[in-house]
Protein backbone atom coordinates (compact mmCIF):
# COMPACT_ATOMS: atom_id res chain seq x y z
CA MET A 1 -20.84 -92.72 -16.16
CA ASN A 2 -20.01 -88.75 -16.19
CA PHE A 3 -16.54 -89.32 -17.36
CA LYS A 4 -16.31 -85.18 -17.32
CA PHE A 5 -16.66 -84.79 -13.90
CA ILE A 6 -14.81 -87.11 -13.24
CA LYS A 7 -11.70 -86.02 -15.15
CA THR A 8 -12.66 -82.80 -13.69
CA ASP A 9 -12.72 -83.46 -10.13
CA LEU A 10 -9.59 -85.78 -10.46
CA LYS A 11 -7.65 -81.92 -11.89
CA LEU A 12 -8.90 -80.33 -8.96
CA GLY A 13 -8.01 -82.64 -6.16
CA ILE A 14 -4.67 -83.13 -7.51
CA ARG A 15 -4.37 -79.16 -7.69
CA SER A 16 -5.54 -78.94 -4.51
CA TRP A 17 -3.49 -81.32 -3.63
CA LEU A 18 -0.28 -79.67 -5.15
CA ARG A 19 -1.12 -76.47 -3.65
CA SER A 20 -0.68 -77.79 0.29
CA LYS A 21 3.29 -78.03 0.23
CA GLY A 22 3.28 -79.71 3.42
CA THR A 23 0.82 -82.56 2.11
CA VAL A 24 3.61 -83.07 -0.70
CA PHE A 25 6.09 -83.31 1.36
CA TRP A 26 4.95 -85.51 3.72
CA THR A 27 3.30 -87.84 1.32
CA ILE A 28 6.09 -88.41 -0.26
CA LEU A 29 8.38 -88.36 2.94
CA PHE A 30 6.42 -91.04 4.28
CA PRO A 31 6.81 -94.05 2.11
CA ILE A 32 10.47 -93.12 1.68
CA LEU A 33 11.12 -93.50 5.49
CA LEU A 34 9.39 -96.42 6.06
CA ILE A 35 11.31 -98.10 3.15
CA MET A 36 14.61 -96.95 4.04
CA ILE A 37 14.13 -98.07 7.78
CA PHE A 38 12.90 -101.43 6.76
CA GLY A 39 15.46 -101.68 4.87
CA ALA A 40 18.51 -101.47 6.59
CA ILE A 41 16.52 -103.60 9.47
CA PHE A 42 16.53 -106.40 7.36
CA SER A 43 19.06 -105.72 5.05
CA GLY A 44 21.40 -106.37 8.14
CA VAL A 45 19.55 -109.37 9.72
CA ASP A 46 22.33 -112.24 8.21
CA GLU A 47 25.24 -110.03 9.88
CA VAL A 48 23.73 -109.99 13.61
CA SER A 49 26.15 -111.76 16.33
CA TYR A 50 25.59 -112.51 19.50
CA ASP A 51 27.34 -113.00 23.13
CA LEU A 52 27.11 -116.07 24.24
CA VAL A 53 28.91 -118.26 27.22
CA VAL A 54 29.61 -121.95 26.70
CA GLN A 55 30.24 -123.83 30.16
CA ASN A 56 31.60 -127.59 29.17
CA LEU A 57 30.58 -129.88 32.23
CA ASP A 58 31.33 -133.24 30.15
CA GLU A 59 34.48 -135.22 32.55
CA ASP A 60 35.31 -136.84 29.28
CA ALA A 61 36.12 -133.54 27.16
CA ASP A 62 38.85 -133.47 25.12
CA GLU A 63 39.53 -132.17 21.44
CA ASP A 64 37.78 -135.02 20.25
CA SER A 65 34.73 -135.07 22.41
CA PHE A 66 31.10 -134.61 21.53
CA SER A 67 30.44 -132.06 23.60
CA ALA A 68 33.87 -129.85 21.70
CA THR A 69 32.75 -130.45 18.65
CA PHE A 70 29.46 -129.16 19.38
CA ILE A 71 31.07 -126.31 20.70
CA THR A 72 33.10 -125.79 17.47
CA ILE A 73 29.90 -125.89 15.84
CA LEU A 74 28.62 -122.93 17.95
CA LYS A 75 32.31 -120.89 17.11
CA GLU A 76 31.65 -121.73 13.12
CA SER A 77 28.52 -120.38 12.99
CA GLY A 78 29.14 -116.87 12.47
CA VAL A 79 26.31 -115.97 14.47
CA PHE A 80 27.52 -116.32 18.10
CA ASN A 81 30.68 -114.57 20.19
CA VAL A 82 31.23 -117.57 21.91
CA LYS A 83 33.31 -117.17 25.72
CA GLU A 84 33.96 -120.17 27.43
CA ILE A 85 34.23 -120.72 31.56
CA ASN A 86 35.64 -123.22 33.44
CA LYS A 87 33.66 -125.61 35.20
CA ASN A 88 33.80 -124.20 38.50
CA THR A 89 31.86 -120.64 37.78
CA ASP A 90 28.52 -120.41 38.39
CA MET A 91 26.61 -119.76 35.59
CA ASP A 92 24.11 -117.69 37.16
CA GLU A 93 26.24 -115.12 38.82
CA TYR A 94 28.57 -114.52 36.02
CA LEU A 95 25.91 -113.53 33.59
CA LYS A 96 24.60 -111.55 36.16
CA ASP A 97 27.93 -109.86 36.53
CA GLU A 98 29.30 -109.65 32.85
CA ASP A 99 25.83 -108.69 32.25
CA ILE A 100 25.24 -111.10 29.64
CA SER A 101 22.20 -112.28 28.87
CA THR A 102 22.38 -115.97 27.63
CA GLY A 103 24.57 -119.07 28.44
CA LEU A 104 24.72 -122.49 27.65
CA GLN A 105 25.66 -125.27 29.58
CA ILE A 106 26.72 -129.04 28.71
CA PRO A 107 26.13 -131.63 31.35
CA GLU A 108 28.75 -133.83 32.89
CA ASP A 109 27.81 -136.88 31.19
CA PHE A 110 27.37 -135.32 27.64
CA ASP A 111 29.63 -137.46 25.74
CA GLU A 112 28.56 -140.75 27.88
CA LYS A 113 25.00 -140.39 27.32
CA LEU A 114 25.85 -139.85 23.33
CA GLU A 115 28.02 -142.94 22.90
CA LEU A 116 25.19 -144.69 25.12
CA TYR A 117 22.81 -143.73 22.53
CA PHE A 118 24.19 -146.05 20.04
CA VAL A 119 24.06 -149.31 22.57
CA ASP A 120 20.33 -147.78 23.80
CA GLN A 121 18.21 -145.39 21.49
CA ASN A 122 16.36 -144.26 24.17
CA VAL A 123 18.58 -141.92 25.45
CA SER A 124 18.33 -138.26 25.62
CA ILE A 125 20.39 -135.72 27.42
CA ASN A 126 19.68 -132.15 27.88
CA LEU A 127 21.66 -129.15 27.41
CA THR A 128 20.81 -125.89 29.73
CA TYR A 129 19.88 -123.02 28.07
CA PHE A 130 20.41 -119.62 30.55
CA TYR A 131 18.26 -116.42 29.79
CA ASP A 132 18.15 -112.92 30.99
CA PRO A 133 14.06 -112.90 30.98
CA THR A 134 14.56 -108.80 31.08
CA ASP A 135 16.35 -108.60 28.13
CA SER A 136 13.31 -108.78 25.80
CA ASN A 137 15.58 -107.92 22.63
CA THR A 138 17.31 -111.41 22.64
CA LEU A 139 15.02 -113.72 24.22
CA GLY A 140 13.53 -116.73 22.30
CA VAL A 141 16.12 -115.72 19.37
CA VAL A 142 19.31 -116.72 20.55
CA ARG A 143 17.31 -120.09 22.02
CA SER A 144 15.86 -120.71 18.72
CA ILE A 145 19.35 -120.44 16.95
CA ILE A 146 20.62 -122.84 19.38
CA ALA A 147 18.12 -124.84 18.30
CA GLY A 148 18.43 -124.75 14.59
CA ILE A 149 22.21 -126.14 15.11
CA LEU A 150 21.02 -128.56 17.61
CA ASP A 151 18.93 -129.99 15.02
CA GLU A 152 21.83 -130.22 12.83
CA PHE A 153 23.75 -131.31 15.47
CA ASN A 154 21.59 -134.16 15.66
CA ASN A 155 21.46 -134.63 12.14
CA GLN A 156 24.57 -135.14 11.89
CA MET A 157 25.60 -137.66 14.80
CA THR A 158 22.29 -139.45 14.82
CA GLN A 159 20.27 -139.65 11.39
CA SER A 160 17.90 -137.19 12.56
CA LYS A 161 16.58 -138.29 16.17
CA ASN A 162 16.50 -136.00 18.53
CA VAL A 163 19.15 -137.21 21.45
CA VAL A 164 20.05 -133.83 22.49
CA GLY A 165 16.97 -131.20 23.69
CA ILE A 166 17.28 -127.65 25.76
CA ASP A 167 16.09 -126.65 29.34
CA ASP A 168 15.77 -123.38 30.05
CA LYS A 169 16.33 -121.80 33.00
CA SER A 170 15.88 -118.20 33.99
CA ILE A 171 18.94 -116.30 35.65
CA LEU A 172 15.54 -114.71 37.61
CA GLY A 173 14.35 -117.88 38.88
CA GLN A 174 10.91 -116.80 37.34
CA GLU A 175 10.04 -117.75 33.72
CA PHE A 176 8.11 -115.40 31.44
CA GLU A 177 6.71 -115.37 27.76
CA PHE A 178 6.75 -113.19 25.12
CA ILE A 179 3.70 -111.92 26.35
CA ASP A 180 4.63 -110.50 29.24
CA PHE A 181 7.41 -108.29 26.85
CA PHE A 182 4.90 -107.11 24.46
CA VAL A 183 2.16 -105.94 26.83
CA PRO A 184 4.71 -102.77 28.54
CA GLY A 185 5.45 -102.19 25.00
CA MET A 186 1.73 -101.84 23.63
CA ILE A 187 1.07 -99.43 26.86
CA GLY A 188 3.81 -97.05 25.73
CA PHE A 189 3.22 -97.16 22.14
CA THR A 190 -0.74 -96.67 22.76
CA ILE A 191 0.08 -93.58 25.04
CA MET A 192 2.28 -92.04 22.44
CA THR A 193 0.26 -92.31 19.12
CA SER A 194 -3.34 -91.10 21.55
CA MET A 195 -0.71 -87.81 23.14
CA VAL A 196 0.95 -87.05 20.24
CA TYR A 197 -2.28 -87.17 17.70
CA GLY A 198 -4.44 -85.85 20.94
CA SER A 199 -2.12 -82.79 20.75
CA ILE A 200 -1.67 -82.20 17.32
CA GLU A 201 -5.97 -82.59 16.25
CA ARG A 202 -6.47 -80.41 18.96
CA ASN A 203 -3.88 -77.36 18.24
CA THR A 204 -4.68 -77.26 14.62
CA LYS A 205 -8.33 -77.83 14.51
CA TYR A 206 -8.72 -75.35 17.34
CA ARG A 207 -6.30 -73.14 15.31
CA LYS A 208 -8.75 -73.44 12.13
CA ASP A 209 -11.16 -72.50 13.34
CA GLY A 210 -10.34 -69.63 15.48
CA ILE A 211 -10.99 -71.16 18.91
CA LEU A 212 -7.59 -69.93 20.28
CA ARG A 213 -7.45 -66.60 18.81
CA LYS A 214 -10.88 -66.67 20.68
CA LEU A 215 -9.30 -67.98 24.24
CA LEU A 216 -6.85 -64.59 23.98
CA THR A 217 -10.92 -62.61 25.25
CA MET A 218 -11.54 -64.84 27.93
CA PRO A 219 -10.03 -64.73 31.36
CA VAL A 220 -8.12 -68.26 31.48
CA THR A 221 -4.31 -67.94 31.33
CA ARG A 222 -2.41 -70.05 28.25
CA ALA A 223 -0.87 -72.13 31.16
CA GLU A 224 -4.07 -72.89 33.09
CA TRP A 225 -5.66 -74.26 28.99
CA ILE A 226 -2.55 -76.16 28.94
CA LEU A 227 -2.94 -78.07 32.15
CA SER A 228 -6.79 -78.87 32.09
CA LYS A 229 -5.84 -80.74 28.42
CA MET A 230 -3.38 -82.03 29.86
CA LEU A 231 -5.07 -83.69 33.05
CA PHE A 232 -7.59 -84.55 30.21
CA MET A 233 -4.92 -86.25 28.24
CA LEU A 234 -3.38 -87.93 31.14
CA PHE A 235 -7.00 -89.44 32.14
CA LEU A 236 -7.42 -91.13 28.59
CA SER A 237 -3.29 -92.77 29.49
CA PHE A 238 -4.81 -94.31 32.15
CA ILE A 239 -8.21 -95.52 30.88
CA SER A 240 -6.33 -97.09 27.87
CA THR A 241 -3.20 -98.36 29.84
CA PHE A 242 -5.49 -99.99 32.61
CA VAL A 243 -7.88 -101.30 29.80
CA ILE A 244 -4.58 -103.30 28.03
CA MET A 245 -4.09 -104.63 31.73
CA LEU A 246 -6.94 -105.77 32.61
CA VAL A 247 -7.23 -108.12 29.46
CA GLY A 248 -3.91 -109.03 30.09
CA VAL A 249 -4.91 -110.32 33.42
CA LEU A 250 -8.28 -112.00 32.65
CA VAL A 251 -7.06 -113.37 29.08
CA TRP A 252 -3.39 -114.11 29.62
CA GLY A 253 -3.12 -114.29 33.24
CA LEU A 254 -0.68 -112.44 33.07
CA ASN A 255 1.27 -110.86 36.77
CA PHE A 256 2.07 -106.81 36.69
CA HIS A 257 4.04 -105.17 39.69
CA ILE A 258 1.75 -101.68 40.40
CA ASN A 259 4.63 -99.32 42.00
CA ILE A 260 5.48 -95.74 42.02
CA PHE A 261 8.04 -95.84 38.93
CA PHE A 262 4.48 -97.20 36.90
CA PHE A 263 2.93 -94.17 38.29
CA ILE A 264 5.70 -91.65 37.31
CA ILE A 265 6.52 -93.92 33.98
CA VAL A 266 2.84 -93.58 32.85
CA ILE A 267 2.56 -89.39 33.84
CA CYS A 268 5.59 -88.39 32.19
CA THR A 269 5.17 -90.45 28.87
CA SER A 270 1.76 -88.54 28.56
CA PHE A 271 3.54 -85.35 29.17
CA MET A 272 6.07 -86.06 26.46
CA PHE A 273 4.23 -86.64 23.70
CA SER A 274 1.77 -84.41 24.21
CA GLY A 275 4.66 -81.77 23.78
CA LEU A 276 6.16 -83.62 21.00
CA GLY A 277 2.28 -83.13 19.55
CA MET A 278 2.03 -79.67 20.31
CA ILE A 279 5.25 -79.41 18.76
CA ILE A 280 4.48 -80.95 15.55
CA GLY A 281 1.39 -79.47 15.61
CA ARG A 282 2.97 -75.98 15.77
CA PHE A 283 5.32 -76.29 12.59
CA VAL A 284 2.95 -77.93 10.86
CA LYS A 285 -0.44 -75.70 10.18
CA GLU A 286 -2.62 -77.81 8.02
CA GLU A 287 -4.89 -80.47 10.04
CA GLU A 288 -3.94 -83.07 7.26
CA THR A 289 -0.77 -82.29 6.87
CA ALA A 290 0.01 -82.67 10.38
CA ASP A 291 -1.42 -85.76 11.37
CA MET A 292 0.98 -87.43 8.52
CA ALA A 293 3.69 -85.63 10.25
CA GLY A 294 2.79 -87.32 12.95
CA GLY A 295 2.50 -90.45 11.86
CA ALA A 296 6.03 -89.77 9.86
CA ILE A 297 7.77 -89.47 13.57
CA THR A 298 4.86 -92.07 15.72
CA PHE A 299 5.01 -94.68 12.97
CA PRO A 300 9.07 -95.42 12.46
CA MET A 301 9.56 -94.69 16.43
CA MET A 302 7.29 -97.71 17.06
CA PHE A 303 9.12 -100.59 15.46
CA LEU A 304 12.85 -98.83 16.19
CA ALA A 305 12.12 -98.78 20.12
CA GLY A 306 12.03 -102.14 20.37
CA THR A 307 8.75 -102.47 20.80
CA PHE A 308 7.60 -105.49 18.68
CA PHE A 309 10.81 -107.24 17.66
CA PRO A 310 14.12 -107.78 19.31
CA LEU A 311 16.45 -104.33 18.69
CA GLU A 312 19.56 -106.94 17.84
CA GLN A 313 17.82 -107.89 14.52
CA MET A 314 18.60 -104.62 13.16
CA PRO A 315 21.98 -103.06 12.32
CA GLU A 316 24.36 -101.30 14.68
CA PHE A 317 23.31 -97.76 13.44
CA LEU A 318 20.14 -98.10 13.98
CA GLN A 319 20.89 -99.87 17.14
CA ALA A 320 22.24 -96.45 18.34
CA ILE A 321 19.60 -94.59 16.87
CA ALA A 322 16.94 -96.31 18.72
CA GLN A 323 18.70 -95.84 21.92
CA VAL A 324 17.86 -91.86 21.76
CA LEU A 325 13.99 -92.45 21.10
CA PRO A 326 11.99 -91.79 24.05
CA LEU A 327 10.07 -94.62 23.10
CA TYR A 328 12.90 -96.91 23.64
CA TYR A 329 13.14 -96.08 27.56
CA VAL A 330 9.37 -95.68 27.73
CA ASN A 331 9.29 -99.44 26.80
CA GLU A 332 11.86 -100.52 28.56
CA GLY A 333 10.89 -98.84 32.14
CA LEU A 334 7.77 -100.07 31.75
CA ARG A 335 9.09 -103.52 31.48
CA ASN A 336 11.63 -103.40 34.49
CA ALA A 337 8.91 -101.97 36.37
CA MET A 338 6.12 -103.98 35.83
CA ILE A 339 7.19 -107.28 34.96
CA TYR A 340 10.68 -107.77 36.23
CA ALA A 341 10.63 -105.86 39.27
CA ASN A 342 13.88 -104.73 38.60
CA LEU A 343 14.94 -101.76 40.71
CA GLU A 344 18.07 -100.40 39.10
CA LYS A 345 17.11 -101.03 35.68
CA THR A 346 13.88 -99.48 36.01
CA LEU A 347 15.44 -96.58 38.14
CA TYR A 348 18.24 -96.24 34.60
CA PHE A 349 15.35 -95.81 32.29
CA THR A 350 12.53 -94.21 33.98
CA SER A 351 15.38 -91.07 34.78
CA PHE A 352 15.44 -90.72 30.86
CA VAL A 353 11.36 -90.97 30.62
CA VAL A 354 11.43 -88.25 33.14
CA VAL A 355 14.33 -86.03 31.05
CA PHE A 356 12.50 -86.34 27.99
CA ALA A 357 9.02 -85.38 29.34
CA VAL A 358 10.39 -81.84 30.93
CA VAL A 359 12.08 -81.09 27.80
CA PHE A 360 9.45 -82.29 25.45
CA PHE A 361 6.46 -80.71 27.12
CA LEU A 362 8.60 -77.37 27.88
CA VAL A 363 9.09 -76.73 24.67
CA GLY A 364 5.56 -77.87 22.97
CA VAL A 365 4.29 -75.21 25.54
CA PHE A 366 6.81 -72.41 24.30
CA LEU A 367 6.21 -72.88 21.19
CA THR A 368 2.33 -72.84 21.60
CA LYS A 369 0.65 -69.65 20.82
CA TRP A 370 -2.82 -68.14 20.61
CA LYS A 371 -1.96 -65.73 18.19
CA GLU A 372 -1.23 -66.53 14.28
CA ASP A 373 2.16 -65.29 13.13
């Protein structure tokens, strides 16, 4: 084995790396960003609290009743901000009016059934868990916590016998699964990465190979060249989007709503992240460094924008950051347009996507130069 060659080549590699200040910068910054982001996300997991509306319909409810004891356990858990409502309130309408995602209803014969259990151990009773399936940030998380508290309650009251269970009820009248919320996020993430890296690769590679300078001698304007490239990138966006949707339909039996807002969001997302790629490619000259810079921007955004897990698992300051990230509005806009068919929320999130698209794309076009500085 030629150790002299290995030593020499290693020295050359390190020297070459050190000569590229941008590569050194992004190589060091990228892992710092990751540990800071994930450390901040998961260090605050135990401090998260959720709003929970509780309605006690139990006819025998008093301070010493089983239902009152269970509500006290919910309050003392430290996880929920419990708000009790009276028996005559319509839970569905209340949650919609107050814009609260989760509620728990205790049935009117709760205490009676639990007392009967000590005579007949075949008796069981269920609480009703109300949830808003359009709020993917809390979907499933609150239910899992309630289920854990119920397990402890069953253990204390009935020696681990699962007497008290949970029935799920969507306040929209339609049931959704996690895959319904995951697919729109994957569409947004896929378009983001393909557009950003596509723009970076095109601009930095063309600059490095001198193609941009050669375009000055051709009878084509900068606007025409950018538009042609954008239409091709948009074509790729729709290809990847429909492939994801096709797999969702064939494999998981998903049902999508295809409307004008779906097309607007996909088009604007493509232009928006292409513009972001052009901006990165303008300020980062080397092709390898530009890829690292793109990853340092898109990778954290993917996790902070609620693509894979609930925002409520993050500290409040990270939740605030998430709501200024363009991918967050893309994800939520696609979910409300494709899955929930919620026109009001679709309009809200789509408006942000359009504004982001106009700003990023115009800035990217303005900064894209054919002449070298």
